Each structure stands twice: as structure tokens, then as C-alpha cells.
All heavy atoms as atom14 arrays in JSON, in Angstrom:
{
  "sequence": "TPSLKEPHLLGGVLYWLEQRPHERGRTTLM",
  "atom14_mask": [
    [1, 1, 1, 1, 1, 1, 1, 0, 0, 0, 0, 0, 0, 0],
    [1, 1, 1, 1, 1, 1, 1, 0, 0, 0, 0, 0, 0, 0],
    [1, 1, 1, 1, 1, 1, 0, 0, 0, 0, 0, 0, 0, 0],
    [1, 1, 1, 1, 1, 1, 1, 1, 0, 0, 0, 0, 0, 0],
    [1, 1, 1, 1, 1, 1, 1, 1, 1, 0, 0, 0, 0, 0],
    [1, 1, 1, 1, 1, 1, 1, 1, 1, 0, 0, 0, 0, 0],
    [1, 1, 1, 1, 1, 1, 1, 0, 0, 0, 0, 0, 0, 0],
    [1, 1, 1, 1, 1, 1, 1, 1, 1, 1, 0, 0, 0, 0],
    [1, 1, 1, 1, 1, 1, 1, 1, 0, 0, 0, 0, 0, 0],
    [1, 1, 1, 1, 1, 1, 1, 1, 0, 0, 0, 0, 0, 0],
    [1, 1, 1, 1, 0, 0, 0, 0, 0, 0, 0, 0, 0, 0],
    [1, 1, 1, 1, 0, 0, 0, 0, 0, 0, 0, 0, 0, 0],
    [1, 1, 1, 1, 1, 1, 1, 0, 0, 0, 0, 0, 0, 0],
    [1, 1, 1, 1, 1, 1, 1, 1, 0, 0, 0, 0, 0, 0],
    [1, 1, 1, 1, 1, 1, 1, 1, 1, 1, 1, 1, 0, 0],
    [1, 1, 1, 1, 1, 1, 1, 1, 1, 1, 1, 1, 1, 1],
    [1, 1, 1, 1, 1, 1, 1, 1, 0, 0, 0, 0, 0, 0],
    [1, 1, 1, 1, 1, 1, 1, 1, 1, 0, 0, 0, 0, 0],
    [1, 1, 1, 1, 1, 1, 1, 1, 1, 0, 0, 0, 0, 0],
    [1, 1, 1, 1, 1, 1, 1, 1, 1, 1, 1, 0, 0, 0],
    [1, 1, 1, 1, 1, 1, 1, 0, 0, 0, 0, 0, 0, 0],
    [1, 1, 1, 1, 1, 1, 1, 1, 1, 1, 0, 0, 0, 0],
    [1, 1, 1, 1, 1, 1, 1, 1, 1, 0, 0, 0, 0, 0],
    [1, 1, 1, 1, 1, 1, 1, 1, 1, 1, 1, 0, 0, 0],
    [1, 1, 1, 1, 0, 0, 0, 0, 0, 0, 0, 0, 0, 0],
    [1, 1, 1, 1, 1, 1, 1, 1, 1, 1, 1, 0, 0, 0],
    [1, 1, 1, 1, 1, 1, 1, 0, 0, 0, 0, 0, 0, 0],
    [1, 1, 1, 1, 1, 1, 1, 0, 0, 0, 0, 0, 0, 0],
    [1, 1, 1, 1, 1, 1, 1, 1, 0, 0, 0, 0, 0, 0],
    [1, 1, 1, 1, 1, 1, 1, 1, 0, 0, 0, 0, 0, 0]
  ],
  "atom14_positions": [
    [[146.06, 171.76, 162.73], [144.64, 171.62, 163.11], [143.86, 170.72, 162.21], [143.8, 170.94, 161.03], [143.98, 173.06, 163.13], [144.65, 173.86, 164.01], [142.54, 172.92, 163.53], [0.0, 0.0, 0.0], [0.0, 0.0, 0.0], [0.0, 0.0, 0.0], [0.0, 0.0, 0.0], [0.0, 0.0, 0.0], [0.0, 0.0, 0.0], [0.0, 0.0, 0.0]],
    [[143.38, 169.54, 162.77], [142.62, 168.61, 161.89], [141.3, 169.1, 161.54], [140.69, 169.94, 162.16], [142.62, 167.39, 162.74], [142.6, 167.83, 164.15], [143.47, 169.13, 164.13], [0.0, 0.0, 0.0], [0.0, 0.0, 0.0], [0.0, 0.0, 0.0], [0.0, 0.0, 0.0], [0.0, 0.0, 0.0], [0.0, 0.0, 0.0], [0.0, 0.0, 0.0]],
    [[140.74, 168.6, 160.33], [139.4, 168.81, 159.97], [138.59, 167.58, 160.46], [138.92, 166.51, 160.24], [139.33, 168.95, 158.5], [139.95, 170.06, 157.97], [0.0, 0.0, 0.0], [0.0, 0.0, 0.0], [0.0, 0.0, 0.0], [0.0, 0.0, 0.0], [0.0, 0.0, 0.0], [0.0, 0.0, 0.0], [0.0, 0.0, 0.0], [0.0, 0.0, 0.0]],
    [[137.45, 167.88, 161.14], [136.58, 166.84, 161.62], [135.4, 166.66, 160.68], [134.78, 167.69, 160.31], [136.06, 167.19, 163.02], [137.14, 167.6, 164.06], [136.55, 167.78, 165.42], [138.27, 166.48, 164.13], [0.0, 0.0, 0.0], [0.0, 0.0, 0.0], [0.0, 0.0, 0.0], [0.0, 0.0, 0.0], [0.0, 0.0, 0.0], [0.0, 0.0, 0.0]],
    [[135.05, 165.5, 160.35], [134.07, 165.18, 159.37], [133.15, 164.03, 159.72], [133.56, 163.1, 160.41], [134.73, 164.93, 157.97], [135.64, 165.89, 157.49], [136.33, 165.56, 156.1], [137.26, 166.61, 155.61], [137.92, 166.2, 154.31], [0.0, 0.0, 0.0], [0.0, 0.0, 0.0], [0.0, 0.0, 0.0], [0.0, 0.0, 0.0], [0.0, 0.0, 0.0]],
    [[131.95, 164.03, 159.18], [131.03, 162.94, 159.2], [130.9, 162.23, 160.55], [131.16, 161.06, 160.64], [131.44, 161.97, 158.08], [131.45, 162.63, 156.72], [131.87, 161.67, 155.62], [131.71, 160.52, 155.71], [132.39, 162.18, 154.61], [0.0, 0.0, 0.0], [0.0, 0.0, 0.0], [0.0, 0.0, 0.0], [0.0, 0.0, 0.0], [0.0, 0.0, 0.0]],
    [[130.52, 162.84, 161.65], [130.24, 162.16, 162.89], [129.11, 161.19, 162.75], [128.16, 161.38, 161.92], [129.93, 163.34, 163.86], [129.42, 164.49, 162.98], [130.21, 164.32, 161.73], [0.0, 0.0, 0.0], [0.0, 0.0, 0.0], [0.0, 0.0, 0.0], [0.0, 0.0, 0.0], [0.0, 0.0, 0.0], [0.0, 0.0, 0.0], [0.0, 0.0, 0.0]],
    [[129.19, 160.16, 163.57], [128.08, 159.16, 163.53], [127.96, 158.59, 164.94], [128.9, 158.16, 165.55], [128.43, 158.01, 162.5], [127.35, 157.07, 162.31], [126.53, 157.12, 161.15], [126.83, 156.0, 163.0], [125.58, 156.15, 161.22], [125.8, 155.49, 162.35], [0.0, 0.0, 0.0], [0.0, 0.0, 0.0], [0.0, 0.0, 0.0], [0.0, 0.0, 0.0]],
    [[126.73, 158.46, 165.41], [126.5, 157.83, 166.76], [125.94, 156.45, 166.53], [125.05, 156.18, 165.73], [125.41, 158.68, 167.45], [125.96, 159.98, 168.12], [124.73, 160.93, 168.43], [126.75, 159.63, 169.4], [0.0, 0.0, 0.0], [0.0, 0.0, 0.0], [0.0, 0.0, 0.0], [0.0, 0.0, 0.0], [0.0, 0.0, 0.0], [0.0, 0.0, 0.0]],
    [[126.49, 155.52, 167.27], [126.08, 154.11, 167.21], [126.33, 153.46, 168.6], [127.47, 153.43, 169.01], [126.79, 153.31, 166.12], [126.37, 151.85, 165.92], [124.89, 151.82, 165.5], [127.2, 151.16, 165.03], [0.0, 0.0, 0.0], [0.0, 0.0, 0.0], [0.0, 0.0, 0.0], [0.0, 0.0, 0.0], [0.0, 0.0, 0.0], [0.0, 0.0, 0.0]],
    [[125.25, 152.97, 169.24], [125.4, 152.35, 170.53], [126.02, 153.24, 171.59], [126.74, 152.73, 172.44], [0.0, 0.0, 0.0], [0.0, 0.0, 0.0], [0.0, 0.0, 0.0], [0.0, 0.0, 0.0], [0.0, 0.0, 0.0], [0.0, 0.0, 0.0], [0.0, 0.0, 0.0], [0.0, 0.0, 0.0], [0.0, 0.0, 0.0], [0.0, 0.0, 0.0]],
    [[125.78, 154.54, 171.5], [126.3, 155.47, 172.47], [127.75, 155.9, 172.27], [128.25, 156.7, 172.97], [0.0, 0.0, 0.0], [0.0, 0.0, 0.0], [0.0, 0.0, 0.0], [0.0, 0.0, 0.0], [0.0, 0.0, 0.0], [0.0, 0.0, 0.0], [0.0, 0.0, 0.0], [0.0, 0.0, 0.0], [0.0, 0.0, 0.0], [0.0, 0.0, 0.0]],
    [[128.33, 155.37, 171.23], [129.71, 155.71, 170.82], [129.67, 156.7, 169.69], [128.95, 156.62, 168.71], [130.52, 154.47, 170.43], [131.95, 154.88, 170.05], [130.62, 153.47, 171.57], [0.0, 0.0, 0.0], [0.0, 0.0, 0.0], [0.0, 0.0, 0.0], [0.0, 0.0, 0.0], [0.0, 0.0, 0.0], [0.0, 0.0, 0.0], [0.0, 0.0, 0.0]],
    [[130.5, 157.77, 169.8], [130.59, 158.76, 168.7], [131.82, 158.43, 167.89], [132.9, 158.38, 168.34], [130.69, 160.16, 169.31], [130.8, 161.34, 168.3], [129.62, 161.47, 167.39], [131.11, 162.66, 169.05], [0.0, 0.0, 0.0], [0.0, 0.0, 0.0], [0.0, 0.0, 0.0], [0.0, 0.0, 0.0], [0.0, 0.0, 0.0], [0.0, 0.0, 0.0]],
    [[131.54, 158.31, 166.55], [132.66, 158.06, 165.62], [132.74, 159.3, 164.68], [131.77, 159.97, 164.46], [132.33, 156.82, 164.78], [132.24, 155.55, 165.54], [130.97, 155.09, 166.04], [133.3, 154.7, 165.79], [130.8, 153.9, 166.69], [133.21, 153.52, 166.51], [131.91, 153.11, 166.9], [131.74, 151.97, 167.7], [0.0, 0.0, 0.0], [0.0, 0.0, 0.0]],
    [[133.93, 159.52, 164.19], [134.13, 160.6, 163.22], [135.44, 160.4, 162.51], [136.26, 159.67, 162.88], [134.09, 161.97, 163.94], [135.23, 162.32, 164.78], [136.4, 163.01, 164.39], [135.48, 161.99, 166.15], [137.3, 163.12, 165.41], [136.76, 162.47, 166.57], [134.69, 161.28, 167.11], [137.17, 162.33, 167.82], [135.2, 161.03, 168.46], [136.49, 161.65, 168.77]],
    [[135.52, 161.15, 161.41], [136.72, 161.15, 160.54], [137.56, 162.45, 160.88], [136.99, 163.49, 161.13], [136.4, 161.17, 159.03], [135.67, 159.93, 158.56], [135.37, 160.08, 157.04], [136.39, 158.68, 158.87], [0.0, 0.0, 0.0], [0.0, 0.0, 0.0], [0.0, 0.0, 0.0], [0.0, 0.0, 0.0], [0.0, 0.0, 0.0], [0.0, 0.0, 0.0]],
    [[138.84, 162.27, 160.9], [139.73, 163.38, 161.2], [140.86, 163.45, 160.18], [141.6, 162.49, 159.99], [140.41, 163.06, 162.61], [141.19, 164.26, 163.11], [141.58, 164.0, 164.6], [140.64, 164.08, 165.5], [142.73, 163.77, 164.9], [0.0, 0.0, 0.0], [0.0, 0.0, 0.0], [0.0, 0.0, 0.0], [0.0, 0.0, 0.0], [0.0, 0.0, 0.0]],
    [[140.74, 164.52, 159.38], [141.79, 164.78, 158.36], [142.89, 165.58, 158.95], [142.73, 166.68, 159.47], [141.16, 165.46, 157.16], [142.19, 165.62, 156.08], [141.52, 166.28, 154.8], [140.35, 166.17, 154.57], [142.33, 166.94, 154.06], [0.0, 0.0, 0.0], [0.0, 0.0, 0.0], [0.0, 0.0, 0.0], [0.0, 0.0, 0.0], [0.0, 0.0, 0.0]],
    [[144.16, 165.03, 158.88], [145.28, 165.7, 159.52], [146.26, 166.3, 158.54], [147.05, 165.54, 157.83], [145.98, 164.66, 160.36], [145.07, 164.07, 161.51], [145.73, 162.9, 162.21], [145.01, 162.52, 163.31], [145.24, 161.45, 164.11], [146.29, 160.68, 163.76], [144.47, 161.14, 165.16], [0.0, 0.0, 0.0], [0.0, 0.0, 0.0], [0.0, 0.0, 0.0]],
    [[146.3, 167.58, 158.48], [147.22, 168.25, 157.55], [148.68, 167.99, 157.86], [149.53, 167.88, 157.0], [146.94, 169.77, 157.6], [146.23, 169.89, 158.89], [145.45, 168.64, 159.09], [0.0, 0.0, 0.0], [0.0, 0.0, 0.0], [0.0, 0.0, 0.0], [0.0, 0.0, 0.0], [0.0, 0.0, 0.0], [0.0, 0.0, 0.0], [0.0, 0.0, 0.0]],
    [[149.01, 167.78, 159.1], [150.43, 167.47, 159.51], [150.87, 166.08, 159.19], [152.06, 165.73, 159.33], [150.59, 167.72, 161.02], [149.74, 166.88, 161.93], [148.39, 167.15, 162.08], [150.04, 165.84, 162.7], [147.86, 166.3, 162.88], [148.82, 165.51, 163.3], [0.0, 0.0, 0.0], [0.0, 0.0, 0.0], [0.0, 0.0, 0.0], [0.0, 0.0, 0.0]],
    [[149.93, 165.27, 158.71], [150.22, 163.91, 158.17], [149.87, 163.83, 156.75], [149.43, 162.77, 156.28], [149.43, 162.86, 159.02], [149.79, 162.82, 160.47], [149.06, 161.65, 161.24], [148.63, 160.72, 160.54], [148.99, 161.73, 162.43], [0.0, 0.0, 0.0], [0.0, 0.0, 0.0], [0.0, 0.0, 0.0], [0.0, 0.0, 0.0], [0.0, 0.0, 0.0]],
    [[150.25, 164.87, 156.07], [150.07, 165.02, 154.57], [148.64, 164.76, 154.17], [148.26, 164.29, 153.09], [150.93, 164.05, 153.83], [152.4, 164.14, 154.17], [153.31, 163.04, 153.58], [153.27, 162.95, 152.16], [154.05, 163.68, 151.45], [154.95, 164.53, 151.87], [154.01, 163.55, 150.04], [0.0, 0.0, 0.0], [0.0, 0.0, 0.0], [0.0, 0.0, 0.0]],
    [[147.7, 165.27, 154.98], [146.23, 165.17, 154.71], [145.64, 163.86, 154.96], [144.51, 163.62, 154.54], [0.0, 0.0, 0.0], [0.0, 0.0, 0.0], [0.0, 0.0, 0.0], [0.0, 0.0, 0.0], [0.0, 0.0, 0.0], [0.0, 0.0, 0.0], [0.0, 0.0, 0.0], [0.0, 0.0, 0.0], [0.0, 0.0, 0.0], [0.0, 0.0, 0.0]],
    [[146.26, 162.9, 155.61], [145.72, 161.61, 155.95], [144.48, 161.73, 156.71], [144.46, 162.52, 157.69], [146.78, 160.75, 156.66], [146.32, 159.29, 156.9], [147.35, 158.54, 157.65], [147.4, 158.85, 159.06], [146.69, 158.16, 160.01], [145.84, 157.2, 159.62], [146.81, 158.46, 161.26], [0.0, 0.0, 0.0], [0.0, 0.0, 0.0], [0.0, 0.0, 0.0]],
    [[143.48, 160.92, 156.44], [142.25, 160.86, 157.15], [142.09, 159.57, 157.92], [142.26, 158.49, 157.34], [141.05, 161.06, 156.21], [141.11, 162.35, 155.57], [139.73, 161.02, 156.99], [0.0, 0.0, 0.0], [0.0, 0.0, 0.0], [0.0, 0.0, 0.0], [0.0, 0.0, 0.0], [0.0, 0.0, 0.0], [0.0, 0.0, 0.0], [0.0, 0.0, 0.0]],
    [[141.75, 159.61, 159.24], [141.67, 158.48, 160.02], [140.3, 158.43, 160.76], [139.63, 159.44, 160.92], [142.88, 158.39, 161.06], [142.8, 157.12, 161.75], [142.74, 159.61, 162.1], [0.0, 0.0, 0.0], [0.0, 0.0, 0.0], [0.0, 0.0, 0.0], [0.0, 0.0, 0.0], [0.0, 0.0, 0.0], [0.0, 0.0, 0.0], [0.0, 0.0, 0.0]],
    [[139.9, 157.32, 161.24], [138.68, 157.08, 161.92], [138.87, 157.16, 163.43], [139.83, 156.5, 163.93], [138.07, 155.73, 161.61], [136.77, 155.37, 162.36], [135.65, 156.28, 161.96], [136.34, 153.95, 161.99], [0.0, 0.0, 0.0], [0.0, 0.0, 0.0], [0.0, 0.0, 0.0], [0.0, 0.0, 0.0], [0.0, 0.0, 0.0], [0.0, 0.0, 0.0]],
    [[138.15, 157.98, 164.13], [138.26, 158.22, 165.53], [136.96, 157.73, 166.26], [135.9, 157.66, 165.67], [138.47, 159.68, 165.85], [139.64, 160.28, 165.16], [141.26, 159.63, 165.71], [141.31, 160.23, 167.45], [0.0, 0.0, 0.0], [0.0, 0.0, 0.0], [0.0, 0.0, 0.0], [0.0, 0.0, 0.0], [0.0, 0.0, 0.0], [0.0, 0.0, 0.0]]
  ]
}
């Protein structure tokens, strides 16, 4: 189960960070 962090709205697009424990805690931009 990833942790969702720091959502941001820009130009109608929703961005957020996703920290993935199954990828050794790697955090990616969605």
C-alpha cells in the first residue's frame, strides 16, 4: 500500500507523490 503525499493542482491536473514500500520505499511523481 503506497503512501500518498503532497497533492498539487495545476491547470486542472492533479499531481502527487507516491511512496511505495514494495519498491524499497521509492517515491515517484504521479
